[in-house]
Amino acid sequence: MTHGFAPEAAVRIAAFAAVFAGMALWETFAPRRPLREPKRARWIANLGLAASSTLLLRLLFPAAAVGAAAVATERGWGALPWLGVPGWAAVLLSIAILDLAIYFQHVVFHAVPVLWRLHRVHHADIDFDVTTGVRFHPLEAAVSMVYKIGVVAALGAPVLGVLLFEALLNASSMFNHGNVRLAAAADRVLRGVLVTPDMHRVHHSVRSEETDSNYGFCLSWWDRLLGTYRAQPAAGHERMTIGLESLQDARNQSLGWLLRLPALAPPGRGA
C-alpha cells in the first residue's frame, strides 16, 4: 500500500525545496536581525536534525498521516464521514482542525517535562532563521506523528486535506521561523490569518512569559481565541535574546550534542 504514497513524498520534497530556497534568499537580501553565529555550523546541525527526523519517520511510518487518511477513508472511520461533511468542506475543515490539534500539541510539549526535554532542542537554537523551522529532535518528530495519525483517524480527514495540511505545516514552519523583514503594514494584515515571523519570533524569546505565548504554526486564530497571543517582544525584535537562558553557549550546537540534549537533566524551564 505504501507505494501509492510516492507522489505524496515527491510533492512534499518539491514544496520543501521551493519554500526553503525562497526563504533562504529572502533572509539573505532582507534580514530582520543580524545572526549571532555563522550560518555554516548551525545549518549543518539543524539540517542534520531534519534529515534524521525524516529518515526515522520513513522507517517507522512509511505511509505517515496521509496513509492513515487513506485507511480511514476506505473504512469510513472518523467524525467527518459520520457527520456527512461533503467534499471541499471536509478538506477545509480537516486543515483547520489539524492546525488546532498541532497548537494543542505544542502547548503540551511545553507543559509536560518529559516532552519539554525533546522540544527544548528546537528552542535551544541561539539564532532564528529558516533552518530553525526544521530543527526538531527525531523522537519529537516520532511522537508528533503518532499524535497526528491518531487525530487524522479520529477525524476521518480526507487524503487531500491531510496532504495539503502537511504541505502547509512544513511551509508555514519555515516561513514563520524566517529571519526576514516584513513591512509593518504587511505583517499586520498577514497575522490576521497567518502566523508571521515577527509573531512567532516572540515564542523563541528567553523570557518565559514570551516563550509561553504564540504557539500557533499556521493559523494565528488559535492564540488569539485561546488567550496565548502576544503581539511583540518586550525588548523589541532587534534586541531580544533568542533561545534558552542557560543554553547560550554556541559551542553546544553540534548535531551530536543536540541529539543527546533530551538525556541531559534540565535544571528547569529556563533550559
C-alpha atoms as a PDB file:
ATOM      1  CA  MET A   1       0.000   0.000   0.000  1.00  0.00           C
ATOM      2  CA  THR A   2       2.894   2.353   0.713  1.00  0.00           C
ATOM      3  CA  HIS A   3       3.878   2.546  -2.981  1.00  0.00           C
ATOM      4  CA  GLY A   4       0.773   4.689  -3.539  1.00  0.00           C
ATOM      5  CA  PHE A   5       2.279   7.478  -1.479  1.00  0.00           C
ATOM      6  CA  ALA A   6       5.351   8.073  -3.674  1.00  0.00           C
ATOM      7  CA  PRO A   7       3.593  11.091  -5.289  1.00  0.00           C
ATOM      8  CA  GLU A   8       2.888  12.471  -1.797  1.00  0.00           C
ATOM      9  CA  ALA A   9       6.582  12.243  -0.911  1.00  0.00           C
ATOM     10  CA  ALA A  10       7.562  13.913  -4.193  1.00  0.00           C
ATOM     11  CA  VAL A  11       5.115  16.772  -3.614  1.00  0.00           C
ATOM     12  CA  ARG A  12       6.406  17.317  -0.081  1.00  0.00           C
ATOM     13  CA  ILE A  13      10.068  17.267  -1.169  1.00  0.00           C
ATOM     14  CA  ALA A  14       9.413  19.711  -4.020  1.00  0.00           C
ATOM     15  CA  ALA A  15       7.405  22.051  -1.767  1.00  0.00           C
ATOM     16  CA  PHE A  16      10.089  21.892   0.941  1.00  0.00           C
ATOM     17  CA  ALA A  17      12.881  22.710  -1.510  1.00  0.00           C
ATOM     18  CA  ALA A  18      10.977  25.608  -3.088  1.00  0.00           C
ATOM     19  CA  VAL A  19       9.975  27.232   0.213  1.00  0.00           C
ATOM     20  CA  PHE A  20      13.378  26.659   1.803  1.00  0.00           C
ATOM     21  CA  ALA A  21      15.202  28.228  -1.160  1.00  0.00           C
ATOM     22  CA  GLY A  22      12.798  31.172  -1.249  1.00  0.00           C
ATOM     23  CA  MET A  23      13.131  31.863   2.471  1.00  0.00           C
ATOM     24  CA  ALA A  24      16.924  31.494   2.388  1.00  0.00           C
ATOM     25  CA  LEU A  25      17.127  34.073  -0.410  1.00  0.00           C
ATOM     26  CA  TRP A  26      14.754  36.428   1.421  1.00  0.00           C
ATOM     27  CA  GLU A  27      16.870  36.160   4.572  1.00  0.00           C
ATOM     28  CA  THR A  28      19.986  36.975   2.559  1.00  0.00           C
ATOM     29  CA  PHE A  29      18.610  40.128   0.981  1.00  0.00           C
ATOM     30  CA  ALA A  30      16.255  41.411   3.723  1.00  0.00           C
ATOM     31  CA  PRO A  31      17.261  40.036   7.142  1.00  0.00           C
ATOM     32  CA  ARG A  32      15.216  41.091  10.187  1.00  0.00           C
ATOM     33  CA  ARG A  33      18.146  40.962  12.626  1.00  0.00           C
ATOM     34  CA  PRO A  34      21.852  40.053  12.482  1.00  0.00           C
ATOM     35  CA  LEU A  35      22.699  36.446  13.315  1.00  0.00           C
ATOM     36  CA  ARG A  36      24.909  35.858  16.349  1.00  0.00           C
ATOM     37  CA  GLU A  37      26.773  32.928  14.810  1.00  0.00           C
ATOM     38  CA  PRO A  38      27.932  31.982  11.294  1.00  0.00           C
ATOM     39  CA  LYS A  39      25.348  30.004   9.360  1.00  0.00           C
ATOM     40  CA  ARG A  40      27.522  27.057   8.342  1.00  0.00           C
ATOM     41  CA  ALA A  41      27.770  25.157  11.649  1.00  0.00           C
ATOM     42  CA  ARG A  42      24.149  25.880  12.627  1.00  0.00           C
ATOM     43  CA  TRP A  43      22.783  24.880   9.251  1.00  0.00           C
ATOM     44  CA  ILE A  44      24.732  21.599   9.279  1.00  0.00           C
ATOM     45  CA  ALA A  45      23.315  20.777  12.729  1.00  0.00           C
ATOM     46  CA  ASN A  46      19.758  21.944  12.019  1.00  0.00           C
ATOM     47  CA  LEU A  47      19.505  20.290   8.618  1.00  0.00           C
ATOM     48  CA  GLY A  48      21.146  17.175  10.075  1.00  0.00           C
ATOM     49  CA  LEU A  49      18.324  17.002  12.620  1.00  0.00           C
ATOM     50  CA  ALA A  50      15.760  17.439   9.854  1.00  0.00           C
ATOM     51  CA  ALA A  51      17.339  14.631   7.814  1.00  0.00           C
ATOM     52  CA  SER A  52      17.484  12.360  10.894  1.00  0.00           C
ATOM     53  CA  SER A  53      13.823  13.031  11.658  1.00  0.00           C
ATOM     54  CA  THR A  54      12.780  12.368   8.051  1.00  0.00           C
ATOM     55  CA  LEU A  55      14.693   9.076   7.984  1.00  0.00           C
ATOM     56  CA  LEU A  56      13.214   7.906  11.300  1.00  0.00           C
ATOM     57  CA  LEU A  57       9.674   8.783  10.224  1.00  0.00           C
ATOM     58  CA  ARG A  58      10.073   6.971   6.906  1.00  0.00           C
ATOM     59  CA  LEU A  59      11.325   3.883   8.740  1.00  0.00           C
ATOM     60  CA  LEU A  60       8.618   3.912  11.430  1.00  0.00           C
ATOM     61  CA  PHE A  61       5.675   5.316   9.451  1.00  0.00           C
ATOM     62  CA  PRO A  62       6.182   4.644   5.728  1.00  0.00           C
ATOM     63  CA  ALA A  63       2.710   5.923   4.801  1.00  0.00           C
ATOM     64  CA  ALA A  64       2.638   8.616   7.523  1.00  0.00           C
ATOM     65  CA  ALA A  65      -0.501  10.706   8.166  1.00  0.00           C
ATOM     66  CA  VAL A  66      -1.586  10.506   4.524  1.00  0.00           C
ATOM     67  CA  GLY A  67      -1.656   6.719   4.820  1.00  0.00           C
ATOM     68  CA  ALA A  68      -3.816   6.998   7.924  1.00  0.00           C
ATOM     69  CA  ALA A  69      -6.211   9.226   5.983  1.00  0.00           C
ATOM     70  CA  ALA A  70      -6.403   6.675   3.156  1.00  0.00           C
ATOM     71  CA  VAL A  71      -7.216   3.860   5.582  1.00  0.00           C
ATOM     72  CA  ALA A  72      -9.796   5.979   7.436  1.00  0.00           C
ATOM     73  CA  THR A  73     -11.467   6.959   4.139  1.00  0.00           C
ATOM     74  CA  GLU A  74     -11.522   3.380   2.898  1.00  0.00           C
ATOM     75  CA  ARG A  75     -13.115   2.116   6.107  1.00  0.00           C
ATOM     76  CA  GLY A  76     -15.405   5.067   6.802  1.00  0.00           C
ATOM     77  CA  TRP A  77     -13.762   5.974  10.100  1.00  0.00           C
ATOM     78  CA  GLY A  78     -13.952   9.344  11.796  1.00  0.00           C
ATOM     79  CA  ALA A  79     -16.144  12.267  12.699  1.00  0.00           C
ATOM     80  CA  LEU A  80     -16.285  13.977   9.290  1.00  0.00           C
ATOM     81  CA  PRO A  81     -17.682  10.925   7.422  1.00  0.00           C
ATOM     82  CA  TRP A  82     -20.087  10.163  10.270  1.00  0.00           C
ATOM     83  CA  LEU A  83     -21.407  13.725  10.120  1.00  0.00           C
ATOM     84  CA  GLY A  84     -21.700  13.527   6.335  1.00  0.00           C
ATOM     85  CA  VAL A  85     -19.444  16.547   5.709  1.00  0.00           C
ATOM     86  CA  PRO A  86     -19.052  16.709   1.920  1.00  0.00           C
ATOM     87  CA  GLY A  87     -16.101  17.253  -0.436  1.00  0.00           C
ATOM     88  CA  TRP A  88     -14.251  20.546  -0.115  1.00  0.00           C
ATOM     89  CA  ALA A  89     -15.915  21.348   3.213  1.00  0.00           C
ATOM     90  CA  ALA A  90     -14.277  18.217   4.662  1.00  0.00           C
ATOM     91  CA  VAL A  91     -10.919  19.217   3.155  1.00  0.00           C
ATOM     92  CA  LEU A  92     -11.043  22.749   4.597  1.00  0.00           C
ATOM     93  CA  LEU A  93     -12.377  21.616   7.972  1.00  0.00           C
ATOM     94  CA  SER A  94      -9.686  18.963   8.265  1.00  0.00           C
ATOM     95  CA  ILE A  95      -6.946  21.540   7.578  1.00  0.00           C
ATOM     96  CA  ALA A  96      -8.307  23.922  10.241  1.00  0.00           C
ATOM     97  CA  ILE A  97      -8.890  21.192  12.850  1.00  0.00           C
ATOM     98  CA  LEU A  98      -5.469  19.615  12.282  1.00  0.00           C
ATOM     99  CA  ASP A  99      -3.873  23.041  12.714  1.00  0.00           C
ATOM    100  CA  LEU A 100      -5.738  23.463  16.011  1.00  0.00           C
ATOM    101  CA  ALA A 101      -4.570  19.983  17.043  1.00  0.00           C
ATOM    102  CA  ILE A 102      -0.947  20.997  16.388  1.00  0.00           C
ATOM    103  CA  TYR A 103      -1.496  24.133  18.503  1.00  0.00           C
ATOM    104  CA  PHE A 104      -2.607  21.944  21.432  1.00  0.00           C
ATOM    105  CA  GLN A 105       0.280  19.554  20.855  1.00  0.00           C
ATOM    106  CA  HIS A 106       2.690  22.492  21.033  1.00  0.00           C
ATOM    107  CA  VAL A 107       1.213  23.680  24.329  1.00  0.00           C
ATOM    108  CA  VAL A 108       1.517  20.170  25.792  1.00  0.00           C
ATOM    109  CA  PHE A 109       5.145  19.850  24.659  1.00  0.00           C
ATOM    110  CA  HIS A 110       5.892  22.957  26.722  1.00  0.00           C
ATOM    111  CA  ALA A 111       3.873  21.862  29.753  1.00  0.00           C
ATOM    112  CA  VAL A 112       4.878  18.200  30.208  1.00  0.00           C
ATOM    113  CA  PRO A 113       8.505  17.835  31.441  1.00  0.00           C
ATOM    114  CA  VAL A 114       9.374  14.665  29.514  1.00  0.00           C
ATOM    115  CA  LEU A 115       8.062  16.206  26.282  1.00  0.00           C
ATOM    116  CA  TRP A 116       9.806  19.508  27.004  1.00  0.00           C
ATOM    117  CA  ARG A 117      13.106  17.570  27.126  1.00  0.00           C
ATOM    118  CA  LEU A 118      12.523  16.749  23.454  1.00  0.00           C
ATOM    119  CA  HIS A 119      11.077  20.108  22.392  1.00  0.00           C
ATOM    120  CA  ARG A 120      13.818  22.188  24.012  1.00  0.00           C
ATOM    121  CA  VAL A 121      16.138  21.009  21.209  1.00  0.00           C
ATOM    122  CA  HIS A 122      14.078  23.308  18.978  1.00  0.00           C
ATOM    123  CA  HIS A 123      14.210  26.185  21.465  1.00  0.00           C
ATOM    124  CA  ALA A 124      17.928  25.827  22.213  1.00  0.00           C
ATOM    125  CA  ASP A 125      18.787  27.461  18.874  1.00  0.00           C
ATOM    126  CA  ILE A 126      20.503  30.751  19.708  1.00  0.00           C
ATOM    127  CA  ASP A 127      19.578  32.226  16.337  1.00  0.00           C
ATOM    128  CA  PHE A 128      16.285  32.236  14.454  1.00  0.00           C
ATOM    129  CA  ASP A 129      16.127  31.549  10.749  1.00  0.00           C
ATOM    130  CA  VAL A 130      14.564  29.196   8.203  1.00  0.00           C
ATOM    131  CA  THR A 131      16.569  26.210   9.494  1.00  0.00           C
ATOM    132  CA  THR A 132      15.103  26.687  12.981  1.00  0.00           C
ATOM    133  CA  GLY A 133      11.774  25.750  11.394  1.00  0.00           C
ATOM    134  CA  VAL A 134      13.029  22.232  10.630  1.00  0.00           C
ATOM    135  CA  ARG A 135      15.108  21.782  13.803  1.00  0.00           C
ATOM    136  CA  PHE A 136      13.226  19.115  15.781  1.00  0.00           C
ATOM    137  CA  HIS A 137      14.629  16.109  17.597  1.00  0.00           C
ATOM    138  CA  PRO A 138      13.789  12.840  15.777  1.00  0.00           C
ATOM    139  CA  LEU A 139      11.997  11.499  18.862  1.00  0.00           C
ATOM    140  CA  GLU A 140       9.810  14.613  18.981  1.00  0.00           C
ATOM    141  CA  ALA A 141       9.015  14.094  15.300  1.00  0.00           C
ATOM    142  CA  ALA A 142       8.034  10.481  16.018  1.00  0.00           C
ATOM    143  CA  VAL A 143       5.800  11.389  18.979  1.00  0.00           C
ATOM    144  CA  SER A 144       4.210  14.139  16.897  1.00  0.00           C
ATOM    145  CA  MET A 145       3.497  11.713  14.050  1.00  0.00           C
ATOM    146  CA  VAL A 146       1.803   9.197  16.370  1.00  0.00           C
ATOM    147  CA  TYR A 147      -0.416  12.007  17.685  1.00  0.00           C
ATOM    148  CA  LYS A 148      -1.141  13.297  14.165  1.00  0.00           C
ATOM    149  CA  ILE A 149      -2.082   9.842  12.888  1.00  0.00           C
ATOM    150  CA  GLY A 150      -4.489   9.462  15.805  1.00  0.00           C
ATOM    151  CA  VAL A 151      -6.110  12.834  15.075  1.00  0.00           C
ATOM    152  CA  VAL A 152      -6.386  12.057  11.345  1.00  0.00           C
ATOM    153  CA  ALA A 153      -8.060   8.692  12.057  1.00  0.00           C
ATOM    154  CA  ALA A 154     -10.442  10.143  14.661  1.00  0.00           C
ATOM    155  CA  LEU A 155     -11.354  12.988  12.340  1.00  0.00           C
ATOM    156  CA  GLY A 156     -11.664  10.841   9.220  1.00  0.00           C
ATOM    157  CA  ALA A 157      -9.776  13.541   7.343  1.00  0.00           C
ATOM    158  CA  PRO A 158      -9.727  13.104   3.546  1.00  0.00           C
ATOM    159  CA  VAL A 159      -6.393  12.318   1.898  1.00  0.00           C
ATOM    160  CA  LEU A 160      -6.328  15.640   0.039  1.00  0.00           C
ATOM    161  CA  GLY A 161      -6.944  17.565   3.270  1.00  0.00           C
ATOM    162  CA  VAL A 162      -4.064  15.806   5.037  1.00  0.00           C
ATOM    163  CA  LEU A 163      -1.735  16.207   2.060  1.00  0.00           C
ATOM    164  CA  LEU A 164      -2.488  19.943   1.857  1.00  0.00           C
ATOM    165  CA  PHE A 165      -2.165  20.317   5.618  1.00  0.00           C
ATOM    166  CA  GLU A 166       1.245  18.611   5.695  1.00  0.00           C
ATOM    167  CA  ALA A 167       2.491  20.875   2.896  1.00  0.00           C
ATOM    168  CA  LEU A 168       1.109  23.963   4.675  1.00  0.00           C
ATOM    169  CA  LEU A 169       2.582  22.911   8.024  1.00  0.00           C
ATOM    170  CA  ASN A 170       6.062  22.466   6.573  1.00  0.00           C
ATOM    171  CA  ALA A 171       5.876  25.673   4.551  1.00  0.00           C
ATOM    172  CA  SER A 172       4.497  27.772   7.404  1.00  0.00           C
ATOM    173  CA  SER A 173       7.122  26.428   9.830  1.00  0.00           C
ATOM    174  CA  MET A 174       9.896  27.617   7.512  1.00  0.00           C
ATOM    175  CA  PHE A 175       8.095  30.908   6.832  1.00  0.00           C
ATOM    176  CA  ASN A 176       7.314  31.813  10.426  1.00  0.00           C
ATOM    177  CA  HIS A 177      10.855  30.972  11.562  1.00  0.00           C
ATOM    178  CA  GLY A 178      12.355  33.112   8.810  1.00  0.00           C
ATOM    179  CA  ASN A 179      14.817  35.854   9.675  1.00  0.00           C
ATOM    180  CA  VAL A 180      13.040  38.112   7.202  1.00  0.00           C
ATOM    181  CA  ARG A 181      11.905  41.692   7.234  1.00  0.00           C
ATOM    182  CA  LEU A 182       8.238  42.395   6.525  1.00  0.00           C
ATOM    183  CA  ALA A 183       6.747  45.867   6.315  1.00  0.00           C
ATOM    184  CA  ALA A 184       4.747  46.595   9.483  1.00  0.00           C
ATOM    185  CA  ALA A 185       1.531  47.033   7.480  1.00  0.00           C
ATOM    186  CA  ALA A 186       2.047  43.735   5.664  1.00  0.00           C
ATOM    187  CA  ASP A 187       2.759  41.965   8.952  1.00  0.00           C
ATOM    188  CA  ARG A 188      -0.455  43.370  10.475  1.00  0.00           C
ATOM    189  CA  VAL A 189      -2.567  42.172   7.560  1.00  0.00           C
ATOM    190  CA  LEU A 190      -0.932  38.749   7.312  1.00  0.00           C
ATOM    191  CA  ARG A 191      -1.098  37.962  11.014  1.00  0.00           C
ATOM    192  CA  GLY A 192      -4.837  38.444  10.926  1.00  0.00           C
ATOM    193  CA  VAL A 193      -4.848  34.959   9.410  1.00  0.00           C
ATOM    194  CA  LEU A 194      -1.321  33.520   9.411  1.00  0.00           C
ATOM    195  CA  VAL A 195       1.499  33.250  11.932  1.00  0.00           C
ATOM    196  CA  THR A 196       4.185  35.668  10.724  1.00  0.00           C
ATOM    197  CA  PRO A 197       7.910  35.585  11.552  1.00  0.00           C
ATOM    198  CA  ASP A 198       7.569  38.591  13.889  1.00  0.00           C
ATOM    199  CA  MET A 199       4.686  36.876  15.689  1.00  0.00           C
ATOM    200  CA  HIS A 200       6.455  33.546  16.141  1.00  0.00           C
ATOM    201  CA  ARG A 201       9.858  35.034  16.997  1.00  0.00           C
ATOM    202  CA  VAL A 202       8.331  36.166  20.303  1.00  0.00           C
ATOM    203  CA  HIS A 203       7.839  32.482  21.171  1.00  0.00           C
ATOM    204  CA  HIS A 204      11.622  31.935  20.895  1.00  0.00           C
ATOM    205  CA  SER A 205      12.495  34.595  23.459  1.00  0.00           C
ATOM    206  CA  VAL A 206      14.484  33.650  26.580  1.00  0.00           C
ATOM    207  CA  ARG A 207      11.777  35.343  28.664  1.00  0.00           C
ATOM    208  CA  SER A 208       9.422  32.631  29.952  1.00  0.00           C
ATOM    209  CA  GLU A 209       6.279  34.767  29.642  1.00  0.00           C
ATOM    210  CA  GLU A 210       7.100  35.246  25.955  1.00  0.00           C
ATOM    211  CA  THR A 211       8.099  31.616  25.341  1.00  0.00           C
ATOM    212  CA  ASP A 212       4.683  30.645  26.754  1.00  0.00           C
ATOM    213  CA  SER A 213       2.849  32.534  24.017  1.00  0.00           C
ATOM    214  CA  ASN A 214       2.249  32.383  20.248  1.00  0.00           C
ATOM    215  CA  TYR A 215       2.115  28.581  19.957  1.00  0.00           C
ATOM    216  CA  GLY A 216       0.427  28.531  16.558  1.00  0.00           C
ATOM    217  CA  PHE A 217       2.202  27.299  13.432  1.00  0.00           C
ATOM    218  CA  CYS A 218      -0.034  28.170  10.516  1.00  0.00           C
ATOM    219  CA  LEU A 219      -3.248  29.982  11.529  1.00  0.00           C
ATOM    220  CA  SER A 220      -2.901  32.828  14.020  1.00  0.00           C
ATOM    221  CA  TRP A 221      -6.501  32.476  15.231  1.00  0.00           C
ATOM    222  CA  TRP A 222      -5.862  29.907  17.949  1.00  0.00           C
ATOM    223  CA  ASP A 223      -3.522  32.066  20.009  1.00  0.00           C
ATOM    224  CA  ARG A 224      -5.970  34.962  19.833  1.00  0.00           C
ATOM    225  CA  LEU A 225      -9.012  32.828  20.709  1.00  0.00           C
ATOM    226  CA  LEU A 226      -7.309  30.873  23.493  1.00  0.00           C
ATOM    227  CA  GLY A 227      -5.521  33.744  25.226  1.00  0.00           C
ATOM    228  CA  THR A 228      -1.903  32.933  24.332  1.00  0.00           C
ATOM    229  CA  TYR A 229      -1.308  35.767  21.876  1.00  0.00           C
ATOM    230  CA  ARG A 230       1.482  38.295  22.464  1.00  0.00           C
ATOM    231  CA  ALA A 231       1.971  40.983  19.835  1.00  0.00           C
ATOM    232  CA  GLN A 232       5.620  41.976  20.351  1.00  0.00           C
ATOM    233  CA  PRO A 233       8.644  41.068  22.495  1.00  0.00           C
ATOM    234  CA  ALA A 234       9.316  43.414  25.398  1.00  0.00           C
ATOM    235  CA  ALA A 235      12.892  44.112  24.272  1.00  0.00           C
ATOM    236  CA  GLY A 236      11.987  44.570  20.606  1.00  0.00           C
ATOM    237  CA  HIS A 237      12.912  42.229  17.777  1.00  0.00           C
ATOM    238  CA  GLU A 238      16.447  43.552  17.263  1.00  0.00           C
ATOM    239  CA  ARG A 239      17.410  43.446  20.958  1.00  0.00           C
ATOM    240  CA  MET A 240      15.563  40.354  22.196  1.00  0.00           C
ATOM    241  CA  THR A 241      17.643  37.296  23.144  1.00  0.00           C
ATOM    242  CA  ILE A 242      16.752  34.106  21.287  1.00  0.00           C
ATOM    243  CA  GLY A 243      16.950  30.629  22.811  1.00  0.00           C
ATOM    244  CA  LEU A 244      17.080  29.269  26.352  1.00  0.00           C
ATOM    245  CA  GLU A 245      18.737  31.265  29.093  1.00  0.00           C
ATOM    246  CA  SER A 246      21.083  28.506  30.293  1.00  0.00           C
ATOM    247  CA  LEU A 247      21.944  27.174  26.832  1.00  0.00           C
ATOM    248  CA  GLN A 248      23.508  30.196  25.200  1.00  0.00           C
ATOM    249  CA  ASP A 249      26.948  28.687  24.501  1.00  0.00           C
ATOM    250  CA  ALA A 250      27.431  28.462  20.737  1.00  0.00           C
ATOM    251  CA  ARG A 251      29.806  25.509  21.208  1.00  0.00           C
ATOM    252  CA  ASN A 252      26.833  23.396  22.320  1.00  0.00           C
ATOM    253  CA  GLN A 253      25.063  23.456  18.977  1.00  0.00           C
ATOM    254  CA  SER A 254      26.562  20.470  17.159  1.00  0.00           C
ATOM    255  CA  LEU A 255      24.360  17.711  15.748  1.00  0.00           C
ATOM    256  CA  GLY A 256      25.720  15.183  18.254  1.00  0.00           C
ATOM    257  CA  TRP A 257      25.038  17.488  21.190  1.00  0.00           C
ATOM    258  CA  LEU A 258      21.507  18.233  20.000  1.00  0.00           C
ATOM    259  CA  LEU A 259      20.734  14.525  19.655  1.00  0.00           C
ATOM    260  CA  ARG A 260      21.942  13.971  23.257  1.00  0.00           C
ATOM    261  CA  LEU A 261      20.244  17.049  24.715  1.00  0.00           C
ATOM    262  CA  PRO A 262      16.972  15.333  25.809  1.00  0.00           C
ATOM    263  CA  ALA A 263      19.017  12.993  28.032  1.00  0.00           C
ATOM    264  CA  LEU A 264      20.707  15.891  29.856  1.00  0.00           C
ATOM    265  CA  ALA A 265      18.908  16.700  33.097  1.00  0.00           C
ATOM    266  CA  PRO A 266      17.146  20.067  32.713  1.00  0.00           C
ATOM    267  CA  PRO A 267      17.584  22.449  35.667  1.00  0.00           C
ATOM    268  CA  GLY A 268      14.190  23.980  34.873  1.00  0.00           C
ATOM    269  CA  ARG A 269      12.061  25.570  32.157  1.00  0.00           C
ATOM    270  CA  GLY A 270      14.860  28.056  31.530  1.00  0.00           C
ATOM    271  CA  ALA A 271      16.733  25.178  29.946  1.00  0.00           C
END
